Amino acid sequence: MFRQTRTRTLAALAVLGLAAGCSSAPEADTTAARETSAPASPAAGSPFWVDPASPAAQQVQRWERQGRERDARLLKLIADRPAAIWPSAERPEPKIREATAAAAREGRTAVFVAYDIPHRDCGQHSAGGAYGADAYQDWIDRFARAIGDSEALVVLEPDAVAHIVDGCTPGEYHAEREQMLSEAIVRLKRQPHTKVYLDAGNPAWIRESWKLVEPLERAGVANADGFALNVSNFQTDETTKEYGRRLSQDLGGKHFVVDTSRNGNGPLDGDPSQAWCNPPGRALGTPPTKDTGDPLVDAYLWIKRPGESDGQCRGGPSAGQWWADYALSLARNSKA
């Protein structure tokens, strides 16, 4: 029941998801099977941990072995910068423990995305999620216990609140979802060095930010460190910050973080229903940092992992899978 696909037409789904992040969980964690990878050097001064065995880092090594030196150098714009870890729905603990331990050795913070809410993504490209409230509560508890006393930042459930507002998630599930999110925030905040940011969509999705206020409040944003914007989307820094300031004012001054992973060229012009899924011509955005120059913006983060597909559109692989050609295009177009 909790994994059922919405029985709407593909056209209706496209309309509801046209500006959404349609956030795509990476393919199943295969840490144990990864090829040996030399550590990548984090961007100078970054407070966040860089995964030395990320798909981008592995691709750099493959291209170096193949003599594709120029492409490998370009791809280091991704491989050498911190991106969020999306722990698996089945066993989140191994990757969380691996990342937090490595980050602690370097004196850095690991960034994670908790993405397992029931009815996830309304049955679209990243459909799935826990079977129900009890299963989700158990998953969040295991997630939090794996973080332990480590320094961590968690972006909680991309799209979950915005899909309440746009009606994609059926109304009978709204109250339960808000309760699950509220309890998840409280559970994660029991970890002494964990910051939590509840996802709030992006400016092109729920254009009237005030519509998010009550659902965010019911979902417990007051107990979080703030909210997250632009996850897996392409809205510019300035557009997103302006939107975030309005939402923050309505939420009593809550801070926020911004996903800048692929917004260097802003959103794709033209039909907005074609703008969210592997749009061509996009670029890496502002590198991850806490030095944002805005007192309300706690960090620019690469929450969506650059180079991982939004879904099977424009020739891409399944949602969350590594797509080297798209990654290279993002790097080539980068101005950062």
Protein backbone atom coordinates (compact mmCIF):
# COMPACT_ATOMS: atom_id res chain seq x y z
CA MET A 1 0.00 0.00 0.00
CA PHE A 2 2.70 2.41 0.97
CA ARG A 3 4.62 1.85 -2.26
CA GLN A 4 1.65 2.15 -4.59
CA THR A 5 2.03 4.30 -7.71
CA ARG A 6 -0.42 7.13 -8.13
CA THR A 7 -2.91 6.24 -10.84
CA ARG A 8 -2.69 9.53 -12.63
CA THR A 9 -1.90 10.12 -16.26
CA LEU A 10 1.69 10.76 -17.21
CA ALA A 11 0.71 14.23 -18.30
CA ALA A 12 -0.72 15.08 -14.89
CA LEU A 13 2.39 13.82 -13.19
CA ALA A 14 4.54 15.93 -15.46
CA VAL A 15 2.57 19.04 -14.56
CA LEU A 16 2.84 18.39 -10.84
CA GLY A 17 6.53 17.62 -11.10
CA LEU A 18 7.52 20.24 -13.64
CA ALA A 19 9.29 22.52 -11.20
CA ALA A 20 9.89 19.96 -8.50
CA GLY A 21 13.30 18.73 -7.64
CA CYS A 22 11.96 15.24 -8.41
CA SER A 23 14.79 14.36 -6.11
CA SER A 24 16.48 11.18 -7.14
CA ALA A 25 17.99 8.83 -4.61
CA PRO A 26 21.35 7.52 -5.77
CA GLU A 27 21.61 3.92 -6.85
CA ALA A 28 21.97 1.35 -4.07
CA ASP A 29 25.07 1.81 -1.94
CA THR A 30 27.85 -0.39 -3.26
CA THR A 31 30.63 0.74 -0.98
CA ALA A 32 31.91 -2.77 -0.40
CA ALA A 33 32.20 -3.43 -4.11
CA ARG A 34 33.86 -0.16 -5.09
CA GLU A 35 37.16 -0.21 -6.83
CA THR A 36 40.08 1.12 -4.84
CA SER A 37 40.22 4.90 -5.08
CA ALA A 38 42.95 7.29 -4.07
CA PRO A 39 41.79 10.03 -1.70
CA ALA A 40 40.60 13.20 -3.36
CA SER A 41 41.68 16.54 -1.93
CA PRO A 42 38.82 18.65 -0.60
CA ALA A 43 38.40 22.19 -1.89
CA ALA A 44 40.60 24.50 0.12
CA GLY A 45 38.92 25.65 3.29
CA SER A 46 35.78 23.56 2.86
CA PRO A 47 34.16 22.63 6.17
CA PHE A 48 32.42 19.66 4.55
CA TRP A 49 33.71 16.15 3.86
CA VAL A 50 34.60 14.99 0.35
CA ASP A 51 33.94 11.33 -0.46
CA PRO A 52 37.21 10.02 -1.96
CA ALA A 53 35.38 7.02 -3.51
CA SER A 54 32.48 8.91 -5.07
CA PRO A 55 31.35 7.98 -8.60
CA ALA A 56 33.01 11.18 -9.82
CA ALA A 57 36.32 10.28 -8.17
CA GLN A 58 36.19 6.81 -9.67
CA GLN A 59 35.43 8.27 -13.09
CA VAL A 60 38.43 10.58 -12.82
CA GLN A 61 40.65 7.56 -12.21
CA ARG A 62 39.17 5.64 -15.13
CA TRP A 63 39.67 8.53 -17.52
CA GLU A 64 43.23 9.06 -16.31
CA ARG A 65 43.99 5.41 -17.05
CA GLN A 66 42.41 5.83 -20.49
CA GLY A 67 44.49 8.91 -21.26
CA ARG A 68 41.55 11.32 -21.08
CA GLU A 69 43.56 13.77 -19.01
CA ARG A 70 41.63 16.91 -19.96
CA ASP A 71 38.26 15.35 -19.15
CA ALA A 72 39.65 13.97 -15.89
CA ARG A 73 40.88 17.42 -14.86
CA LEU A 74 37.49 18.94 -15.60
CA LEU A 75 35.68 16.26 -13.64
CA LYS A 76 37.80 17.04 -10.58
CA LEU A 77 35.60 20.12 -10.26
CA ILE A 78 33.05 17.60 -8.99
CA ALA A 79 35.25 14.88 -7.52
CA ASP A 80 37.26 17.24 -5.32
CA ARG A 81 34.26 19.02 -3.83
CA PRO A 82 31.88 17.86 -1.10
CA ALA A 83 28.48 16.51 -2.05
CA ALA A 84 25.76 15.05 0.14
CA ILE A 85 25.55 11.35 0.87
CA TRP A 86 22.13 9.72 0.31
CA PRO A 87 22.19 6.60 2.54
CA SER A 88 20.28 3.60 1.28
CA ALA A 89 16.76 2.81 2.38
CA GLU A 90 17.67 -0.76 3.28
CA ARG A 91 20.83 -0.25 5.35
CA PRO A 92 21.72 3.39 5.98
CA GLU A 93 24.14 2.65 8.82
CA PRO A 94 27.30 1.46 6.99
CA LYS A 95 27.63 4.49 4.74
CA ILE A 96 26.77 6.93 7.52
CA ARG A 97 29.36 5.43 9.85
CA GLU A 98 31.98 5.34 7.11
CA ALA A 99 31.38 8.98 6.17
CA THR A 100 31.22 10.37 9.71
CA ALA A 101 34.37 8.51 10.75
CA ALA A 102 36.30 9.79 7.72
CA ALA A 103 34.98 13.32 8.22
CA ALA A 104 35.98 13.27 11.89
CA ARG A 105 39.53 12.30 10.99
CA GLU A 106 39.72 15.41 8.80
CA GLY A 107 37.88 17.70 11.21
CA ARG A 108 35.03 18.17 8.73
CA THR A 109 31.24 17.76 8.65
CA ALA A 110 29.50 15.00 6.72
CA VAL A 111 26.37 16.05 4.81
CA PHE A 112 23.51 13.58 4.40
CA VAL A 113 20.06 13.44 2.84
CA ALA A 114 17.34 11.45 4.61
CA TYR A 115 15.06 10.29 1.80
CA ASP A 116 12.73 7.41 2.66
CA ILE A 117 9.33 8.96 3.39
CA PRO A 118 6.34 6.76 2.45
CA HIS A 119 4.78 7.61 -0.95
CA ARG A 120 8.06 9.22 -1.96
CA ASP A 121 8.02 11.30 -5.17
CA CYS A 122 4.33 10.45 -5.82
CA GLY A 123 5.24 7.32 -7.78
CA GLN A 124 7.42 9.18 -10.27
CA HIS A 125 11.14 8.69 -11.10
CA SER A 126 12.22 8.22 -7.47
CA ALA A 127 9.17 6.36 -6.20
CA GLY A 128 9.51 4.21 -3.12
CA GLY A 129 10.07 4.95 0.51
CA ALA A 130 9.30 3.15 3.75
CA TYR A 131 6.20 0.94 3.92
CA GLY A 132 4.56 3.02 6.62
CA ALA A 133 5.00 5.25 9.65
CA ASP A 134 6.47 2.55 11.89
CA ALA A 135 8.99 1.48 9.26
CA TYR A 136 9.96 5.10 8.67
CA GLN A 137 10.38 5.79 12.37
CA ASP A 138 12.66 2.76 12.64
CA TRP A 139 14.71 3.91 9.63
CA ILE A 140 15.17 7.41 11.05
CA ASP A 141 16.18 5.95 14.41
CA ARG A 142 18.85 3.80 12.76
CA PHE A 143 19.97 6.79 10.69
CA ALA A 144 20.36 8.94 13.81
CA ARG A 145 22.11 6.27 15.87
CA ALA A 146 24.62 5.76 13.06
CA ILE A 147 25.51 9.47 13.20
CA GLY A 148 26.13 9.24 16.92
CA ASP A 149 28.18 12.11 18.33
CA SER A 150 29.69 13.06 14.97
CA GLU A 151 29.39 16.42 13.26
CA ALA A 152 26.67 16.03 10.64
CA LEU A 153 24.22 18.03 8.58
CA VAL A 154 21.00 16.33 7.42
CA VAL A 155 18.66 17.57 4.72
CA LEU A 156 15.34 15.96 5.57
CA GLU A 157 13.07 14.50 2.90
CA PRO A 158 13.35 16.47 -0.33
CA ASP A 159 9.96 17.20 -1.92
CA ALA A 160 7.94 15.81 1.03
CA VAL A 161 6.35 19.08 2.18
CA ALA A 162 6.04 20.64 -1.27
CA HIS A 163 4.18 17.56 -2.51
CA ILE A 164 1.67 18.14 0.27
CA VAL A 165 1.14 21.69 -0.96
CA ASP A 166 0.87 20.87 -4.68
CA GLY A 167 -1.57 18.03 -4.00
CA CYS A 168 0.57 15.28 -5.52
CA THR A 169 0.54 13.41 -2.22
CA PRO A 170 -3.05 12.31 -1.49
CA GLY A 171 -4.79 14.34 1.18
CA GLU A 172 -5.43 11.34 3.41
CA TYR A 173 -1.67 11.03 3.96
CA HIS A 174 -0.90 14.68 4.76
CA ALA A 175 -1.33 14.60 8.54
CA GLU A 176 0.60 11.35 8.87
CA ARG A 177 3.44 12.70 6.76
CA GLU A 178 3.68 15.91 8.77
CA GLN A 179 3.75 13.88 11.97
CA MET A 180 6.50 11.62 10.61
CA LEU A 181 8.61 14.61 9.63
CA SER A 182 8.09 16.29 12.98
CA GLU A 183 9.14 13.15 14.85
CA ALA A 184 12.12 12.68 12.54
CA ILE A 185 13.40 16.17 13.33
CA VAL A 186 13.10 15.57 17.06
CA ARG A 187 14.88 12.20 16.75
CA LEU A 188 17.74 13.53 14.63
CA LYS A 189 18.22 16.53 16.93
CA ARG A 190 18.85 14.20 19.83
CA GLN A 191 22.28 13.70 18.30
CA PRO A 192 24.38 16.43 19.92
CA HIS A 193 26.23 17.65 16.81
CA THR A 194 23.62 17.14 14.09
CA LYS A 195 21.98 20.00 12.21
CA VAL A 196 18.69 19.36 10.42
CA TYR A 197 17.15 21.29 7.54
CA LEU A 198 13.64 20.37 6.41
CA ASP A 199 13.19 20.59 2.64
CA ALA A 200 10.91 23.35 1.33
CA GLY A 201 11.04 22.90 -2.44
CA ASN A 202 12.17 25.67 -4.77
CA PRO A 203 10.95 29.07 -6.02
CA ALA A 204 9.66 27.75 -9.35
CA TRP A 205 7.57 25.03 -7.72
CA ILE A 206 5.46 26.54 -4.96
CA ARG A 207 5.66 30.10 -6.22
CA GLU A 208 3.72 31.61 -3.33
CA SER A 209 6.00 30.82 -0.41
CA TRP A 210 3.31 31.53 2.17
CA LYS A 211 1.55 28.33 1.12
CA LEU A 212 4.43 26.35 2.64
CA VAL A 213 4.33 28.03 6.03
CA GLU A 214 1.60 26.05 7.78
CA PRO A 215 2.67 22.65 6.40
CA LEU A 216 6.28 23.36 7.44
CA GLU A 217 5.12 24.38 10.89
CA ARG A 218 3.00 21.25 11.26
CA ALA A 219 6.00 19.24 10.10
CA GLY A 220 8.08 20.59 12.98
CA VAL A 221 10.37 23.11 11.30
CA ALA A 222 10.47 25.05 14.57
CA ASN A 223 12.58 22.24 16.05
CA ALA A 224 14.91 22.09 13.04
CA ASP A 225 17.90 24.30 12.38
CA GLY A 226 16.09 25.61 9.34
CA PHE A 227 14.86 24.62 5.89
CA ALA A 228 16.49 23.65 2.58
CA LEU A 229 15.78 25.10 -0.86
CA ASN A 230 16.47 24.22 -4.51
CA VAL A 231 17.31 20.56 -3.88
CA SER A 232 17.93 18.87 -7.25
CA ASN A 233 16.81 22.01 -9.05
CA PHE A 234 18.41 24.83 -11.03
CA GLN A 235 17.11 28.13 -9.63
CA THR A 236 19.82 30.77 -9.26
CA ASP A 237 21.34 31.73 -5.92
CA GLU A 238 19.73 35.17 -5.95
CA THR A 239 16.27 33.93 -6.90
CA THR A 240 16.45 31.24 -4.22
CA LYS A 241 17.74 33.57 -1.52
CA GLU A 242 15.01 36.11 -2.22
CA TYR A 243 12.42 33.36 -1.90
CA GLY A 244 14.11 32.00 1.22
CA ARG A 245 14.08 35.40 2.91
CA ARG A 246 10.32 35.70 2.44
CA LEU A 247 9.74 32.22 3.78
CA SER A 248 12.12 32.84 6.67
CA GLN A 249 10.23 35.98 7.65
CA ASP A 250 6.99 34.01 7.78
CA LEU A 251 8.70 31.33 9.88
CA GLY A 252 10.04 33.67 12.53
CA GLY A 253 13.51 34.16 11.09
CA LYS A 254 14.44 30.55 10.36
CA HIS A 255 17.76 30.08 8.57
CA PHE A 256 18.14 28.00 5.40
CA VAL A 257 20.60 26.21 3.13
CA VAL A 258 20.65 26.26 -0.68
CA ASP A 259 21.50 23.49 -3.14
CA THR A 260 23.90 25.08 -5.63
CA SER A 261 25.08 21.86 -7.24
CA ARG A 262 23.74 22.52 -10.75
CA ASN A 263 22.42 26.08 -10.81
CA GLY A 264 25.40 27.83 -12.39
CA ASN A 265 23.44 28.65 -15.54
CA GLY A 266 20.05 28.86 -13.87
CA PRO A 267 17.00 26.91 -15.10
CA LEU A 268 16.40 25.85 -18.70
CA ASP A 269 14.41 28.36 -20.74
CA GLY A 270 11.21 27.35 -22.45
CA ASP A 271 8.61 24.80 -21.43
CA PRO A 272 8.91 24.45 -17.64
CA SER A 273 7.64 20.87 -17.80
CA GLN A 274 10.91 20.03 -19.59
CA ALA A 275 13.17 22.01 -17.26
CA TRP A 276 13.68 19.70 -14.27
CA CYS A 277 14.85 16.36 -15.69
CA ASN A 278 18.44 16.27 -16.98
CA PRO A 279 18.16 19.64 -18.75
CA PRO A 280 21.00 20.33 -21.19
CA GLY A 281 23.38 23.25 -20.90
CA ARG A 282 23.39 23.44 -17.12
CA ALA A 283 26.48 24.13 -15.01
CA LEU A 284 27.93 23.58 -11.58
CA GLY A 285 27.04 26.35 -9.15
CA THR A 286 28.69 27.96 -6.14
CA PRO A 287 31.04 25.48 -4.43
CA PRO A 288 29.88 24.25 -1.01
CA THR A 289 30.70 26.69 1.75
CA LYS A 290 29.42 28.23 4.96
CA ASP A 291 30.77 31.61 3.85
CA THR A 292 27.58 32.77 2.14
CA GLY A 293 27.66 36.50 2.93
CA ASP A 294 24.04 36.30 4.05
CA PRO A 295 23.16 35.94 7.75
CA LEU A 296 20.10 33.83 6.95
CA VAL A 297 21.90 31.41 4.61
CA ASP A 298 23.82 28.90 6.70
CA ALA A 299 25.47 27.18 3.73
CA TYR A 300 25.60 26.60 0.03
CA LEU A 301 25.61 22.83 -0.43
CA TRP A 302 25.78 20.32 -3.26
CA ILE A 303 22.80 18.30 -2.09
CA LYS A 304 22.00 16.73 -5.43
CA ARG A 305 25.17 14.89 -6.40
CA PRO A 306 26.29 16.45 -9.72
CA GLY A 307 26.35 13.85 -12.46
CA GLU A 308 23.68 11.59 -11.02
CA SER A 309 20.64 11.32 -13.27
CA ASP A 310 17.23 12.84 -12.58
CA GLY A 311 15.56 9.93 -14.37
CA GLN A 312 15.22 8.22 -17.71
CA CYS A 313 14.77 11.34 -19.79
CA ARG A 314 17.01 12.85 -22.47
CA GLY A 315 18.90 9.58 -22.70
CA GLY A 316 19.72 9.41 -19.00
CA PRO A 317 19.91 6.29 -16.83
CA SER A 318 17.54 5.59 -13.95
CA ALA A 319 17.14 8.24 -11.27
CA GLY A 320 20.16 8.50 -9.02
CA GLN A 321 22.54 6.56 -11.25
CA TRP A 322 25.87 8.04 -12.33
CA TRP A 323 25.94 9.60 -15.80
CA ALA A 324 29.50 10.55 -16.74
CA ASP A 325 28.62 12.50 -19.88
CA TYR A 326 26.16 14.72 -18.03
CA ALA A 327 28.67 15.26 -15.23
CA LEU A 328 31.30 16.31 -17.74
CA SER A 329 28.87 18.76 -19.32
CA LEU A 330 28.16 20.36 -15.94
CA ALA A 331 31.89 20.73 -15.33
CA ARG A 332 32.61 22.13 -18.80
CA ASN A 333 29.94 24.79 -18.37
CA SER A 334 31.06 25.71 -14.88
CA LYS A 335 32.21 29.22 -14.13
CA ALA A 336 33.21 28.38 -10.56
